[in-house]
């Protein structure tokens, strides 16, 4: 299959591309910069120059493909709703190019904050007002227009070597403030998945997920935030402490609201439907690896 991949040079995309190539697919990767284009070419992918806002480039890439995996997203938490709107426009453009063909369109969505306090299931629809809910609505509508759409919901921690997301941020805060902290009693749960396991799920969704499918890329269904802080504290040799909700904003900054959310998530239906079985290290084992702490040290010394 000839697959157009947006976000192909990102943290997840750089795992999806070799996963697809290793399974015998051809890859057209969207590249915004020269560095991204060189990385994609070196990996064995064809390069399509453009960006998430370049709708003509998205349209062209989708039109000459047998299927699309859409991973690109503008990760600007200060303008998250604007980023979600840009994502929706991109999905609409990609879907229009595939309409009536029954070709697959796989879209990356999220789980954080979807249904706080209970385990999120694949059958759960996005709630009204959830920023990425509109993109999921568009994906489901495209299924009725002859596009084999599937939604892969990602947990807040997609971890592995090269991670620049929430876990490195927590490590940096712990190093700077001399304590590894959690909020309240630390029982809020975060689902997680290793990037290589997530890449396999994206390939499986492309190959055989039915139209209108929601999938959960969840290996750890819910890791208590206190356990995350405990591993970080032990590795850095700093105390592990609780912060009250009132203290959390000063300590964690923008991360306070996210780290306090309790969002356990199930992937039982995904595993049964596609035969997906995560095999990579879980979140706590991966955090307890040198690559997380070496990466933080290098970035601080840069």
C-alpha atoms as a PDB file:
ATOM      1  CA  UNK A   1       0.000   0.000   0.000  1.00  0.00           C
ATOM      2  CA  UNK A   2       1.196   3.530  -0.782  1.00  0.00           C
ATOM      3  CA  UNK A   3       0.647   5.470   2.460  1.00  0.00           C
ATOM      4  CA  UNK A   4       0.673   9.246   2.964  1.00  0.00           C
ATOM      5  CA  UNK A   5       1.801  10.082   6.519  1.00  0.00           C
ATOM      6  CA  UNK A   6       1.503  13.540   8.078  1.00  0.00           C
ATOM      7  CA  UNK A   7       3.733  14.191  11.075  1.00  0.00           C
ATOM      8  CA  UNK A   8       6.019  11.565   9.575  1.00  0.00           C
ATOM      9  CA  UNK A   9       9.226  12.934  11.095  1.00  0.00           C
ATOM     10  CA  UNK A  10       7.811  13.490  14.596  1.00  0.00           C
ATOM     11  CA  UNK A  11       8.259  11.358  17.680  1.00  0.00           C
ATOM     12  CA  UNK A  12       5.469   8.943  16.764  1.00  0.00           C
ATOM     13  CA  UNK A  13       5.760   9.364  13.004  1.00  0.00           C
ATOM     14  CA  UNK A  14       9.427   8.400  13.039  1.00  0.00           C
ATOM     15  CA  UNK A  15       8.319   5.050  14.507  1.00  0.00           C
ATOM     16  CA  UNK A  16       5.321   4.647  12.189  1.00  0.00           C
ATOM     17  CA  UNK A  17       7.362   5.146   8.997  1.00  0.00           C
ATOM     18  CA  UNK A  18       9.783   2.210   9.583  1.00  0.00           C
ATOM     19  CA  UNK A  19       6.881   0.104  10.863  1.00  0.00           C
ATOM     20  CA  UNK A  20       5.076   0.631   7.541  1.00  0.00           C
ATOM     21  CA  UNK A  21       8.193   0.115   5.435  1.00  0.00           C
ATOM     22  CA  UNK A  22       9.049  -3.056   7.335  1.00  0.00           C
ATOM     23  CA  UNK A  23       5.596  -4.428   6.547  1.00  0.00           C
ATOM     24  CA  UNK A  24       6.133  -3.871   2.816  1.00  0.00           C
ATOM     25  CA  UNK A  25       4.250  -0.590   2.383  1.00  0.00           C
ATOM     26  CA  UNK A  26       5.552   2.482   0.559  1.00  0.00           C
ATOM     27  CA  UNK A  27       5.522   5.778   2.447  1.00  0.00           C
ATOM     28  CA  UNK A  28       5.019   9.378   1.337  1.00  0.00           C
ATOM     29  CA  UNK A  29       5.968  11.564   4.289  1.00  0.00           C
ATOM     30  CA  UNK A  30       4.862  15.169   4.754  1.00  0.00           C
ATOM     31  CA  UNK A  31       7.895  17.366   5.499  1.00  0.00           C
ATOM     32  CA  UNK A  32       7.775  21.006   6.554  1.00  0.00           C
ATOM     33  CA  UNK A  33      11.550  21.560   6.814  1.00  0.00           C
ATOM     34  CA  UNK A  34      14.746  20.485   5.109  1.00  0.00           C
ATOM     35  CA  UNK A  35      15.784  18.529   8.196  1.00  0.00           C
ATOM     36  CA  UNK A  36      12.504  16.601   8.148  1.00  0.00           C
ATOM     37  CA  UNK A  37      12.838  15.941   4.426  1.00  0.00           C
ATOM     38  CA  UNK A  38      16.378  14.574   4.866  1.00  0.00           C
ATOM     39  CA  UNK A  39      15.299  12.343   7.755  1.00  0.00           C
ATOM     40  CA  UNK A  40      12.414  10.906   5.761  1.00  0.00           C
ATOM     41  CA  UNK A  41      14.529  10.295   2.690  1.00  0.00           C
ATOM     42  CA  UNK A  42      17.178   8.584   4.816  1.00  0.00           C
ATOM     43  CA  UNK A  43      14.483   6.324   6.288  1.00  0.00           C
ATOM     44  CA  UNK A  44      13.414   5.254   2.792  1.00  0.00           C
ATOM     45  CA  UNK A  45      10.287   7.373   2.393  1.00  0.00           C
ATOM     46  CA  UNK A  46       9.263   9.616  -0.468  1.00  0.00           C
ATOM     47  CA  UNK A  47       9.010  13.268   0.570  1.00  0.00           C
ATOM     48  CA  UNK A  48       5.952  15.506   0.109  1.00  0.00           C
ATOM     49  CA  UNK A  49       6.808  19.101   1.044  1.00  0.00           C
ATOM     50  CA  UNK A  50       4.148  21.017   2.942  1.00  0.00           C
ATOM     51  CA  UNK A  51       2.601  21.601   6.353  1.00  0.00           C
ATOM     52  CA  UNK A  52      -0.630  21.096   8.265  1.00  0.00           C
ATOM     53  CA  UNK A  53      -1.858  24.502   7.089  1.00  0.00           C
ATOM     54  CA  UNK A  54      -0.927  23.800   3.447  1.00  0.00           C
ATOM     55  CA  UNK A  55      -4.214  22.238   2.379  1.00  0.00           C
ATOM     56  CA  UNK A  56      -3.157  21.917  -1.265  1.00  0.00           C
ATOM     57  CA  UNK A  57      -0.200  19.775  -0.233  1.00  0.00           C
ATOM     58  CA  UNK A  58      -2.404  17.617   2.003  1.00  0.00           C
ATOM     59  CA  UNK A  59      -4.882  17.175  -0.821  1.00  0.00           C
ATOM     60  CA  UNK A  60      -2.153  16.182  -3.278  1.00  0.00           C
ATOM     61  CA  UNK A  61      -0.544  13.701  -0.886  1.00  0.00           C
ATOM     62  CA  UNK A  62      -3.853  12.003  -0.131  1.00  0.00           C
ATOM     63  CA  UNK A  63      -4.918  11.887  -3.775  1.00  0.00           C
ATOM     64  CA  UNK A  64      -1.854   9.892  -4.822  1.00  0.00           C
ATOM     65  CA  UNK A  65      -1.979   7.448  -1.933  1.00  0.00           C
ATOM     66  CA  UNK A  66      -3.794   4.213  -1.144  1.00  0.00           C
ATOM     67  CA  UNK A  67      -4.352   5.378   2.419  1.00  0.00           C
ATOM     68  CA  UNK A  68      -3.467   8.104   4.919  1.00  0.00           C
ATOM     69  CA  UNK A  69      -2.199   8.149   8.495  1.00  0.00           C
ATOM     70  CA  UNK A  70      -2.697  11.622   9.967  1.00  0.00           C
ATOM     71  CA  UNK A  71      -0.364  12.252  12.923  1.00  0.00           C
ATOM     72  CA  UNK A  72       0.490  15.946  12.586  1.00  0.00           C
ATOM     73  CA  UNK A  73      -0.866  18.322  15.236  1.00  0.00           C
ATOM     74  CA  UNK A  74       0.165  21.802  16.381  1.00  0.00           C
ATOM     75  CA  UNK A  75       1.139  21.160  20.008  1.00  0.00           C
ATOM     76  CA  UNK A  76       0.640  24.677  21.347  1.00  0.00           C
ATOM     77  CA  UNK A  77      -1.224  24.387  24.649  1.00  0.00           C
ATOM     78  CA  UNK A  78      -1.599  28.174  24.839  1.00  0.00           C
ATOM     79  CA  UNK A  79      -3.741  28.040  21.672  1.00  0.00           C
ATOM     80  CA  UNK A  80      -5.119  24.528  21.864  1.00  0.00           C
ATOM     81  CA  UNK A  81      -8.542  25.288  20.411  1.00  0.00           C
ATOM     82  CA  UNK A  82      -6.952  26.965  17.374  1.00  0.00           C
ATOM     83  CA  UNK A  83      -4.734  23.912  16.925  1.00  0.00           C
ATOM     84  CA  UNK A  84      -7.809  21.662  17.108  1.00  0.00           C
ATOM     85  CA  UNK A  85      -9.540  23.756  14.421  1.00  0.00           C
ATOM     86  CA  UNK A  86      -6.499  23.469  12.151  1.00  0.00           C
ATOM     87  CA  UNK A  87      -6.533  19.712  12.709  1.00  0.00           C
ATOM     88  CA  UNK A  88     -10.201  19.508  11.742  1.00  0.00           C
ATOM     89  CA  UNK A  89      -9.563  21.442   8.514  1.00  0.00           C
ATOM     90  CA  UNK A  90      -6.735  19.065   7.664  1.00  0.00           C
ATOM     91  CA  UNK A  91      -8.942  16.009   8.251  1.00  0.00           C
ATOM     92  CA  UNK A  92     -11.718  17.461   6.112  1.00  0.00           C
ATOM     93  CA  UNK A  93      -9.216  18.068   3.302  1.00  0.00           C
ATOM     94  CA  UNK A  94      -7.710  14.584   3.510  1.00  0.00           C
ATOM     95  CA  UNK A  95     -11.141  12.989   3.710  1.00  0.00           C
ATOM     96  CA  UNK A  96     -12.444  14.867   0.674  1.00  0.00           C
ATOM     97  CA  UNK A  97      -9.531  13.521  -1.386  1.00  0.00           C
ATOM     98  CA  UNK A  98     -10.383   9.946  -0.341  1.00  0.00           C
ATOM     99  CA  UNK A  99     -14.173  10.225  -0.511  1.00  0.00           C
ATOM    100  CA  UNK A 100     -15.977   7.337  -2.205  1.00  0.00           C
ATOM    101  CA  UNK A 101     -12.851   5.202  -2.543  1.00  0.00           C
ATOM    102  CA  UNK A 102     -13.059   3.095   0.650  1.00  0.00           C
ATOM    103  CA  UNK A 103      -9.388   3.939   1.175  1.00  0.00           C
ATOM    104  CA  UNK A 104      -8.290   4.143   4.831  1.00  0.00           C
ATOM    105  CA  UNK A 105      -7.799   7.350   6.778  1.00  0.00           C
ATOM    106  CA  UNK A 106      -6.331   6.818  10.258  1.00  0.00           C
ATOM    107  CA  UNK A 107      -6.321   9.810  12.588  1.00  0.00           C
ATOM    108  CA  UNK A 108      -4.455  10.310  15.877  1.00  0.00           C
ATOM    109  CA  UNK A 109      -6.651  11.660  18.652  1.00  0.00           C
ATOM    110  CA  UNK A 110      -6.217  11.815  22.416  1.00  0.00           C
ATOM    111  CA  UNK A 111      -7.479  10.454  25.733  1.00  0.00           C
ATOM    112  CA  UNK A 112      -6.423  13.066  28.289  1.00  0.00           C
ATOM    113  CA  UNK A 113      -9.478  14.575  29.931  1.00  0.00           C
ATOM    114  CA  UNK A 114     -11.932  12.584  27.829  1.00  0.00           C
ATOM    115  CA  UNK A 115     -13.843  11.146  30.810  1.00  0.00           C
ATOM    116  CA  UNK A 116     -12.014  11.979  34.054  1.00  0.00           C
ATOM    117  CA  UNK A 117     -12.518   9.625  36.975  1.00  0.00           C
ATOM    118  CA  UNK A 118     -13.519   6.475  35.134  1.00  0.00           C
ATOM    119  CA  UNK A 119     -12.008   4.118  32.595  1.00  0.00           C
ATOM    120  CA  UNK A 120     -12.515   5.430  29.057  1.00  0.00           C
ATOM    121  CA  UNK A 121     -13.760   2.829  26.576  1.00  0.00           C
ATOM    122  CA  UNK A 122     -13.508   2.746  22.795  1.00  0.00           C
ATOM    123  CA  UNK A 123     -17.300   2.983  22.679  1.00  0.00           C
ATOM    124  CA  UNK A 124     -17.234   6.349  24.491  1.00  0.00           C
ATOM    125  CA  UNK A 125     -18.005   9.250  22.172  1.00  0.00           C
ATOM    126  CA  UNK A 126     -16.136  12.510  22.637  1.00  0.00           C
ATOM    127  CA  UNK A 127     -18.086  14.791  25.011  1.00  0.00           C
ATOM    128  CA  UNK A 128     -19.507  18.110  23.871  1.00  0.00           C
ATOM    129  CA  UNK A 129     -16.937  20.886  24.079  1.00  0.00           C
ATOM    130  CA  UNK A 130     -13.907  18.574  24.152  1.00  0.00           C
ATOM    131  CA  UNK A 131     -11.351  20.341  21.886  1.00  0.00           C
ATOM    132  CA  UNK A 132     -10.644  17.318  19.692  1.00  0.00           C
ATOM    133  CA  UNK A 133     -14.221  16.146  19.660  1.00  0.00           C
ATOM    134  CA  UNK A 134     -14.987  17.941  16.416  1.00  0.00           C
ATOM    135  CA  UNK A 135     -12.222  16.079  14.580  1.00  0.00           C
ATOM    136  CA  UNK A 136     -13.656  12.765  15.787  1.00  0.00           C
ATOM    137  CA  UNK A 137     -17.110  13.830  14.566  1.00  0.00           C
ATOM    138  CA  UNK A 138     -15.669  14.641  11.139  1.00  0.00           C
ATOM    139  CA  UNK A 139     -13.905  11.268  11.001  1.00  0.00           C
ATOM    140  CA  UNK A 140     -17.117   9.396  11.811  1.00  0.00           C
ATOM    141  CA  UNK A 141     -19.056  11.406   9.210  1.00  0.00           C
ATOM    142  CA  UNK A 142     -16.442  10.524   6.573  1.00  0.00           C
ATOM    143  CA  UNK A 143     -17.113   6.844   7.226  1.00  0.00           C
ATOM    144  CA  UNK A 144     -20.555   7.362   5.710  1.00  0.00           C
ATOM    145  CA  UNK A 145     -18.990   8.992   2.636  1.00  0.00           C
ATOM    146  CA  UNK A 146     -16.914   6.052   1.495  1.00  0.00           C
ATOM    147  CA  UNK A 147     -13.758   6.584   3.561  1.00  0.00           C
ATOM    148  CA  UNK A 148     -12.539   3.753   5.807  1.00  0.00           C
ATOM    149  CA  UNK A 149     -11.855   5.966   8.802  1.00  0.00           C
ATOM    150  CA  UNK A 150     -10.429   4.895  12.142  1.00  0.00           C
ATOM    151  CA  UNK A 151      -9.472   6.959  15.173  1.00  0.00           C
ATOM    152  CA  UNK A 152      -6.466   5.995  17.289  1.00  0.00           C
ATOM    153  CA  UNK A 153      -6.703   7.684  20.669  1.00  0.00           C
ATOM    154  CA  UNK A 154      -3.306   8.211  22.284  1.00  0.00           C
ATOM    155  CA  UNK A 155      -2.694   8.457  26.050  1.00  0.00           C
ATOM    156  CA  UNK A 156      -1.010  11.477  27.660  1.00  0.00           C
ATOM    157  CA  UNK A 157       2.296   9.631  27.808  1.00  0.00           C
ATOM    158  CA  UNK A 158       3.568   8.135  24.570  1.00  0.00           C
ATOM    159  CA  UNK A 159       6.998   7.229  25.858  1.00  0.00           C
ATOM    160  CA  UNK A 160      10.311   5.906  24.596  1.00  0.00           C
ATOM    161  CA  UNK A 161      13.737   7.149  23.623  1.00  0.00           C
ATOM    162  CA  UNK A 162      13.522  10.625  22.110  1.00  0.00           C
ATOM    163  CA  UNK A 163      10.442  11.599  24.137  1.00  0.00           C
ATOM    164  CA  UNK A 164      10.128  15.386  24.508  1.00  0.00           C
ATOM    165  CA  UNK A 165       6.683  15.350  26.131  1.00  0.00           C
ATOM    166  CA  UNK A 166       5.261  15.302  29.625  1.00  0.00           C
ATOM    167  CA  UNK A 167       7.718  12.908  31.322  1.00  0.00           C
ATOM    168  CA  UNK A 168      10.853  14.925  30.410  1.00  0.00           C
ATOM    169  CA  UNK A 169       9.001  18.037  31.596  1.00  0.00           C
ATOM    170  CA  UNK A 170       8.351  16.402  34.974  1.00  0.00           C
ATOM    171  CA  UNK A 171      11.996  15.330  35.221  1.00  0.00           C
ATOM    172  CA  UNK A 172      13.176  18.859  34.441  1.00  0.00           C
ATOM    173  CA  UNK A 173      10.907  20.347  37.129  1.00  0.00           C
ATOM    174  CA  UNK A 174      12.182  17.820  39.681  1.00  0.00           C
ATOM    175  CA  UNK A 175      15.796  18.667  38.871  1.00  0.00           C
ATOM    176  CA  UNK A 176      15.169  22.406  39.055  1.00  0.00           C
ATOM    177  CA  UNK A 177      13.137  22.353  42.296  1.00  0.00           C
ATOM    178  CA  UNK A 178      14.951  19.534  44.091  1.00  0.00           C
ATOM    179  CA  UNK A 179      11.843  17.441  44.703  1.00  0.00           C
ATOM    180  CA  UNK A 180       9.782  15.013  42.638  1.00  0.00           C
ATOM    181  CA  UNK A 181       6.171  15.914  43.298  1.00  0.00           C
ATOM    182  CA  UNK A 182       2.681  14.581  42.757  1.00  0.00           C
ATOM    183  CA  UNK A 183      -0.649  16.295  43.433  1.00  0.00           C
ATOM    184  CA  UNK A 184      -2.891  15.470  46.376  1.00  0.00           C
ATOM    185  CA  UNK A 185      -2.744  11.787  47.289  1.00  0.00           C
ATOM    186  CA  UNK A 186      -1.161  10.887  43.943  1.00  0.00           C
ATOM    187  CA  UNK A 187      -3.786   8.318  42.952  1.00  0.00           C
ATOM    188  CA  UNK A 188      -4.754  10.062  39.709  1.00  0.00           C
ATOM    189  CA  UNK A 189      -4.030   7.599  36.914  1.00  0.00           C
ATOM    190  CA  UNK A 190      -2.360   8.160  33.553  1.00  0.00           C
ATOM    191  CA  UNK A 191      -2.635   5.673  30.696  1.00  0.00           C
ATOM    192  CA  UNK A 192       0.503   5.200  28.625  1.00  0.00           C
ATOM    193  CA  UNK A 193       1.978   3.429  25.592  1.00  0.00           C
ATOM    194  CA  UNK A 194       5.439   2.950  24.137  1.00  0.00           C
ATOM    195  CA  UNK A 195       5.902   4.681  20.781  1.00  0.00           C
ATOM    196  CA  UNK A 196       6.799   1.399  19.023  1.00  0.00           C
ATOM    197  CA  UNK A 197       3.631  -0.298  20.265  1.00  0.00           C
ATOM    198  CA  UNK A 198       1.628   2.730  19.112  1.00  0.00           C
ATOM    199  CA  UNK A 199       3.273   2.521  15.684  1.00  0.00           C
ATOM    200  CA  UNK A 200       2.157  -1.087  15.318  1.00  0.00           C
ATOM    201  CA  UNK A 201      -1.414  -0.132  16.139  1.00  0.00           C
ATOM    202  CA  UNK A 202      -1.429   2.609  13.495  1.00  0.00           C
ATOM    203  CA  UNK A 203      -0.289   0.053  10.913  1.00  0.00           C
ATOM    204  CA  UNK A 204      -2.940  -2.454  11.954  1.00  0.00           C
ATOM    205  CA  UNK A 205      -5.632   0.228  11.801  1.00  0.00           C
ATOM    206  CA  UNK A 206      -4.518   1.177   8.294  1.00  0.00           C
ATOM    207  CA  UNK A 207      -4.559  -2.417   7.128  1.00  0.00           C
ATOM    208  CA  UNK A 208      -7.775  -3.707   8.611  1.00  0.00           C
ATOM    209  CA  UNK A 209      -9.786  -1.470  10.945  1.00  0.00           C
ATOM    210  CA  UNK A 210     -13.439  -1.194   9.850  1.00  0.00           C
ATOM    211  CA  UNK A 211     -14.856   2.210   8.931  1.00  0.00           C
ATOM    212  CA  UNK A 212     -15.866   4.345  11.894  1.00  0.00           C
ATOM    213  CA  UNK A 213     -13.672   2.481  14.401  1.00  0.00           C
ATOM    214  CA  UNK A 214     -12.350   4.037  17.599  1.00  0.00           C
ATOM    215  CA  UNK A 215      -9.159   2.427  18.906  1.00  0.00           C
ATOM    216  CA  UNK A 216      -7.162   2.974  22.091  1.00  0.00           C
ATOM    217  CA  UNK A 217      -3.361   2.828  21.955  1.00  0.00           C
ATOM    218  CA  UNK A 218      -3.134   1.963  25.651  1.00  0.00           C
ATOM    219  CA  UNK A 219      -0.630  -0.464  27.159  1.00  0.00           C
ATOM    220  CA  UNK A 220      -0.681   0.771  30.790  1.00  0.00           C
ATOM    221  CA  UNK A 221      -4.335   1.421  31.560  1.00  0.00           C
ATOM    222  CA  UNK A 222      -3.636   3.701  34.509  1.00  0.00           C
ATOM    223  CA  UNK A 223      -0.319   4.463  36.232  1.00  0.00           C
ATOM    224  CA  UNK A 224      -0.736   6.433  39.509  1.00  0.00           C
ATOM    225  CA  UNK A 225       1.007   9.797  39.315  1.00  0.00           C
ATOM    226  CA  UNK A 226       2.613   9.111  42.713  1.00  0.00           C
ATOM    227  CA  UNK A 227       4.396   6.109  41.177  1.00  0.00           C
ATOM    228  CA  UNK A 228       5.682   8.266  38.313  1.00  0.00           C
ATOM    229  CA  UNK A 229       7.051  10.799  40.806  1.00  0.00           C
ATOM    230  CA  UNK A 230       8.604   8.000  42.884  1.00  0.00           C
ATOM    231  CA  UNK A 231      10.666   6.678  39.967  1.00  0.00           C
ATOM    232  CA  UNK A 232      11.806  10.181  39.042  1.00  0.00           C
ATOM    233  CA  UNK A 233      12.742  10.968  42.646  1.00  0.00           C
ATOM    234  CA  UNK A 234      14.715   7.749  43.064  1.00  0.00           C
ATOM    235  CA  UNK A 235      16.614   8.256  39.798  1.00  0.00           C
ATOM    236  CA  UNK A 236      17.482  11.856  40.651  1.00  0.00           C
ATOM    237  CA  UNK A 237      18.112  11.224  44.341  1.00  0.00           C
ATOM    238  CA  UNK A 238      15.599  13.861  45.446  1.00  0.00           C
ATOM    239  CA  UNK A 239      12.690  13.651  47.919  1.00  0.00           C
ATOM    240  CA  UNK A 240       9.247  12.616  46.679  1.00  0.00           C
ATOM    241  CA  UNK A 241       6.615  14.998  48.039  1.00  0.00           C
ATOM    242  CA  UNK A 242       2.906  15.756  47.732  1.00  0.00           C
ATOM    243  CA  UNK A 243       1.693  19.158  46.563  1.00  0.00           C
ATOM    244  CA  UNK A 244      -1.774  20.364  47.407  1.00  0.00           C
ATOM    245  CA  UNK A 245      -4.002  21.439  44.502  1.00  0.00           C
ATOM    246  CA  UNK A 246      -3.390  25.020  45.610  1.00  0.00           C
ATOM    247  CA  UNK A 247       0.393  24.575  45.436  1.00  0.00           C
ATOM    248  CA  UNK A 248       0.394  22.639  42.164  1.00  0.00           C
ATOM    249  CA  UNK A 249       0.178  25.644  39.840  1.00  0.00           C
ATOM    250  CA  UNK A 250       3.320  27.257  41.231  1.00  0.00           C
ATOM    251  CA  UNK A 251       5.213  23.970  41.167  1.00  0.00           C
ATOM    252  CA  UNK A 252       4.151  22.459  37.834  1.00  0.00           C
ATOM    253  CA  UNK A 253       3.075  25.485  35.795  1.00  0.00           C
ATOM    254  CA  UNK A 254       0.792  24.591  32.870  1.00  0.00           C
ATOM    255  CA  UNK A 255       1.281  20.913  33.685  1.00  0.00           C
ATOM    256  CA  UNK A 256      -0.609  21.170  36.998  1.00  0.00           C
ATOM    257  CA  UNK A 257      -4.096  20.790  35.532  1.00  0.00           C
ATOM    258  CA  UNK A 258      -3.035  17.901  33.301  1.00  0.00           C
ATOM    259  CA  UNK A 259      -1.082  16.004  35.969  1.00  0.00           C
ATOM    260  CA  UNK A 260      -4.071  16.171  38.323  1.00  0.00           C
ATOM    261  CA  UNK A 261      -6.460  14.491  35.870  1.00  0.00           C
ATOM    262  CA  UNK A 262      -7.521  10.922  36.561  1.00  0.00           C
ATOM    263  CA  UNK A 263      -7.976   9.354  33.099  1.00  0.00           C
ATOM    264  CA  UNK A 264      -7.637   5.565  33.198  1.00  0.00           C
ATOM    265  CA  UNK A 265      -8.387   4.030  29.800  1.00  0.00           C
ATOM    266  CA  UNK A 266      -9.113   0.562  28.470  1.00  0.00           C
ATOM    267  CA  UNK A 267      -7.844  -0.989  25.245  1.00  0.00           C
ATOM    268  CA  UNK A 268      -9.632  -4.337  25.594  1.00  0.00           C
ATOM    269  CA  UNK A 269     -11.813  -3.847  22.514  1.00  0.00           C
ATOM    270  CA  UNK A 270      -8.828  -2.697  20.444  1.00  0.00           C
ATOM    271  CA  UNK A 271      -6.813  -5.773  21.397  1.00  0.00           C
ATOM    272  CA  UNK A 272      -9.699  -8.108  20.613  1.00  0.00           C
ATOM    273  CA  UNK A 273     -10.596  -6.449  17.316  1.00  0.00           C
ATOM    274  CA  UNK A 274      -7.135  -6.109  15.780  1.00  0.00           C
ATOM    275  CA  UNK A 275      -5.052  -8.606  17.734  1.00  0.00           C
ATOM    276  CA  UNK A 276      -2.840  -5.792  19.011  1.00  0.00           C
ATOM    277  CA  UNK A 277      -0.644  -6.814  21.931  1.00  0.00           C
ATOM    278  CA  UNK A 278       1.872  -4.325  23.394  1.00  0.00           C
ATOM    279  CA  UNK A 279       5.316  -5.843  23.903  1.00  0.00           C
ATOM    280  CA  UNK A 280       7.552  -2.871  24.749  1.00  0.00           C
ATOM    281  CA  UNK A 281       8.458  -1.711  28.293  1.00  0.00           C
ATOM    282  CA  UNK A 282       5.700  -0.098  30.325  1.00  0.00           C
ATOM    283  CA  UNK A 283       5.814   3.524  31.453  1.00  0.00           C
ATOM    284  CA  UNK A 284       7.499   3.028  34.843  1.00  0.00           C
ATOM    285  CA  UNK A 285      10.118   0.638  33.454  1.00  0.00           C
ATOM    286  CA  UNK A 286      10.856   3.039  30.615  1.00  0.00           C
ATOM    287  CA  UNK A 287      11.144   6.069  32.905  1.00  0.00           C
ATOM    288  CA  UNK A 288      13.589   4.029  34.947  1.00  0.00           C
ATOM    289  CA  UNK A 289      15.968   4.035  31.954  1.00  0.00           C
ATOM    290  CA  UNK A 290      19.088   6.064  31.386  1.00  0.00           C
ATOM    291  CA  UNK A 291      17.856   7.609  28.153  1.00  0.00           C
ATOM    292  CA  UNK A 292      15.303   9.795  29.959  1.00  0.00           C
ATOM    293  CA  UNK A 293      17.814  11.237  32.376  1.00  0.00           C
ATOM    294  CA  UNK A 294      20.670  11.494  29.886  1.00  0.00           C
ATOM    295  CA  UNK A 295      18.374  13.445  27.538  1.00  0.00           C
ATOM    296  CA  UNK A 296      17.458  15.891  30.293  1.00  0.00           C
ATOM    297  CA  UNK A 297      21.119  16.357  31.202  1.00  0.00           C
ATOM    298  CA  UNK A 298      22.090  17.066  27.583  1.00  0.00           C
ATOM    299  CA  UNK A 299      19.290  19.589  27.107  1.00  0.00           C
ATOM    300  CA  UNK A 300      20.206  21.434  30.305  1.00  0.00           C
ATOM    301  CA  UNK A 301      23.845  21.619  29.264  1.00  0.00           C
ATOM    302  CA  UNK A 302      23.105  22.798  25.720  1.00  0.00           C
END
